[in-house]
């Protein structure tokens, strides 16, 4: 393989879709349940609706889609620490947690945000 003088450096953000008018519900979930911080959108993008969140270098952008349908399979994989406590915290905020043992070397579960977006949470085994 030839080294290129340019290339991918990192994932900047993951965009998920959301129905119009769901921003307040999403804000509550992504800040209270997931512990993320809402970050301001540039004014020209804010006019389109939606909201953006960050936790450290991880950013999730929720964009309004008029004919919204949540993806059945597509999802961001979010690495967490203290996965058992994190799952319990999400359940306490009303999220259904589904554990999956099919990824060797990891503990992981799936949950959905209030509009149906699938989210994967995983932590490498010690």
Protein backbone atom coordinates (compact mmCIF):
# COMPACT_ATOMS: atom_id res chain seq x y z
CA UNK A 1 0.00 0.00 0.00
CA UNK A 2 1.36 3.41 -0.94
CA UNK A 3 1.30 6.15 1.70
CA UNK A 4 -0.74 9.14 0.55
CA UNK A 5 0.04 12.76 1.44
CA UNK A 6 -3.62 13.13 2.40
CA UNK A 7 -6.32 10.96 3.93
CA UNK A 8 -8.86 10.38 6.64
CA UNK A 9 -7.84 11.54 10.10
CA UNK A 10 -10.84 10.82 12.36
CA UNK A 11 -14.61 10.65 12.52
CA UNK A 12 -15.79 14.22 13.10
CA UNK A 13 -19.40 13.41 14.01
CA UNK A 14 -22.27 11.02 13.39
CA UNK A 15 -25.56 12.40 12.07
CA UNK A 16 -28.86 10.81 13.04
CA UNK A 17 -32.26 11.82 11.71
CA UNK A 18 -35.20 13.01 13.77
CA UNK A 19 -38.78 14.09 13.07
CA UNK A 20 -39.73 17.77 13.04
CA UNK A 21 -40.51 19.17 16.48
CA UNK A 22 -38.64 16.49 18.45
CA UNK A 23 -35.75 18.69 19.61
CA UNK A 24 -36.93 19.17 23.22
CA UNK A 25 -37.45 15.43 23.71
CA UNK A 26 -34.04 14.72 22.18
CA UNK A 27 -32.36 17.38 24.35
CA UNK A 28 -33.72 15.72 27.49
CA UNK A 29 -32.53 12.27 26.41
CA UNK A 30 -29.09 13.17 25.09
CA UNK A 31 -28.23 15.49 27.99
CA UNK A 32 -29.96 13.80 30.96
CA UNK A 33 -29.82 10.11 29.99
CA UNK A 34 -26.61 10.04 27.91
CA UNK A 35 -24.79 12.81 29.82
CA UNK A 36 -23.85 14.74 26.70
CA UNK A 37 -23.68 18.52 26.37
CA UNK A 38 -25.66 20.37 23.74
CA UNK A 39 -23.39 22.39 21.48
CA UNK A 40 -24.59 25.35 19.42
CA UNK A 41 -25.23 24.91 15.74
CA UNK A 42 -24.08 27.64 13.35
CA UNK A 43 -27.02 30.04 12.78
CA UNK A 44 -27.59 29.05 9.16
CA UNK A 45 -27.81 25.37 10.19
CA UNK A 46 -29.84 26.09 13.35
CA UNK A 47 -32.58 27.52 11.13
CA UNK A 48 -33.09 23.99 9.75
CA UNK A 49 -33.94 22.58 13.20
CA UNK A 50 -32.29 19.69 14.97
CA UNK A 51 -29.65 19.78 17.69
CA UNK A 52 -26.02 18.78 18.25
CA UNK A 53 -24.44 17.09 21.27
CA UNK A 54 -20.91 16.30 22.43
CA UNK A 55 -19.14 14.25 25.09
CA UNK A 56 -15.38 14.68 24.89
CA UNK A 57 -14.38 14.13 21.25
CA UNK A 58 -17.68 12.37 20.40
CA UNK A 59 -20.31 14.42 18.58
CA UNK A 60 -23.82 13.33 17.60
CA UNK A 61 -25.83 15.60 15.33
CA UNK A 62 -29.60 15.16 15.13
CA UNK A 63 -30.99 16.59 11.92
CA UNK A 64 -34.64 17.09 11.08
CA UNK A 65 -36.00 14.87 8.32
CA UNK A 66 -39.54 15.66 7.15
CA UNK A 67 -40.45 12.05 6.29
CA UNK A 68 -38.56 10.55 9.24
CA UNK A 69 -38.26 6.79 9.69
CA UNK A 70 -35.63 5.47 12.14
CA UNK A 71 -33.07 3.12 10.63
CA UNK A 72 -33.60 -0.48 11.66
CA UNK A 73 -29.94 -1.57 11.53
CA UNK A 74 -27.71 1.52 11.14
CA UNK A 75 -26.40 2.98 14.42
CA UNK A 76 -23.45 4.72 16.05
CA UNK A 77 -21.29 2.54 18.31
CA UNK A 78 -20.52 4.52 21.46
CA UNK A 79 -17.69 3.36 23.71
CA UNK A 80 -18.46 3.82 27.40
CA UNK A 81 -16.86 3.13 30.77
CA UNK A 82 -18.73 1.40 33.59
CA UNK A 83 -21.14 -0.23 31.15
CA UNK A 84 -23.31 -1.93 33.80
CA UNK A 85 -23.91 1.35 35.64
CA UNK A 86 -24.41 3.18 32.34
CA UNK A 87 -27.08 0.66 31.29
CA UNK A 88 -28.84 1.02 34.65
CA UNK A 89 -28.75 4.81 34.29
CA UNK A 90 -30.38 4.60 30.84
CA UNK A 91 -33.04 2.21 32.15
CA UNK A 92 -33.77 4.65 34.98
CA UNK A 93 -34.42 7.25 32.28
CA UNK A 94 -36.93 4.97 30.54
CA UNK A 95 -34.71 3.41 27.86
CA UNK A 96 -35.07 -0.27 27.07
CA UNK A 97 -31.63 -1.93 27.16
CA UNK A 98 -30.97 -5.09 25.14
CA UNK A 99 -27.70 -6.87 25.95
CA UNK A 100 -25.78 -8.62 23.18
CA UNK A 101 -22.90 -11.04 23.82
CA UNK A 102 -21.94 -11.63 20.17
CA UNK A 103 -18.88 -9.33 20.01
CA UNK A 104 -15.85 -11.15 21.47
CA UNK A 105 -13.80 -9.11 23.91
CA UNK A 106 -16.58 -6.62 24.65
CA UNK A 107 -19.66 -6.09 26.77
CA UNK A 108 -22.34 -4.31 24.80
CA UNK A 109 -25.99 -3.40 24.66
CA UNK A 110 -28.39 -1.59 22.38
CA UNK A 111 -30.96 1.06 23.24
CA UNK A 112 -33.08 3.50 21.24
CA UNK A 113 -33.46 7.24 21.63
CA UNK A 114 -37.00 8.67 22.04
CA UNK A 115 -37.54 8.88 18.26
CA UNK A 116 -36.37 5.33 17.58
CA UNK A 117 -32.72 5.76 16.56
CA UNK A 118 -30.72 2.65 17.45
CA UNK A 119 -27.65 3.24 19.63
CA UNK A 120 -24.94 0.69 20.49
CA UNK A 121 -22.96 1.04 23.73
CA UNK A 122 -19.84 -1.03 24.24
CA UNK A 123 -16.90 -1.44 26.59
CA UNK A 124 -13.86 -3.66 25.95
CA UNK A 125 -13.37 -6.47 28.46
CA UNK A 126 -10.71 -5.76 31.06
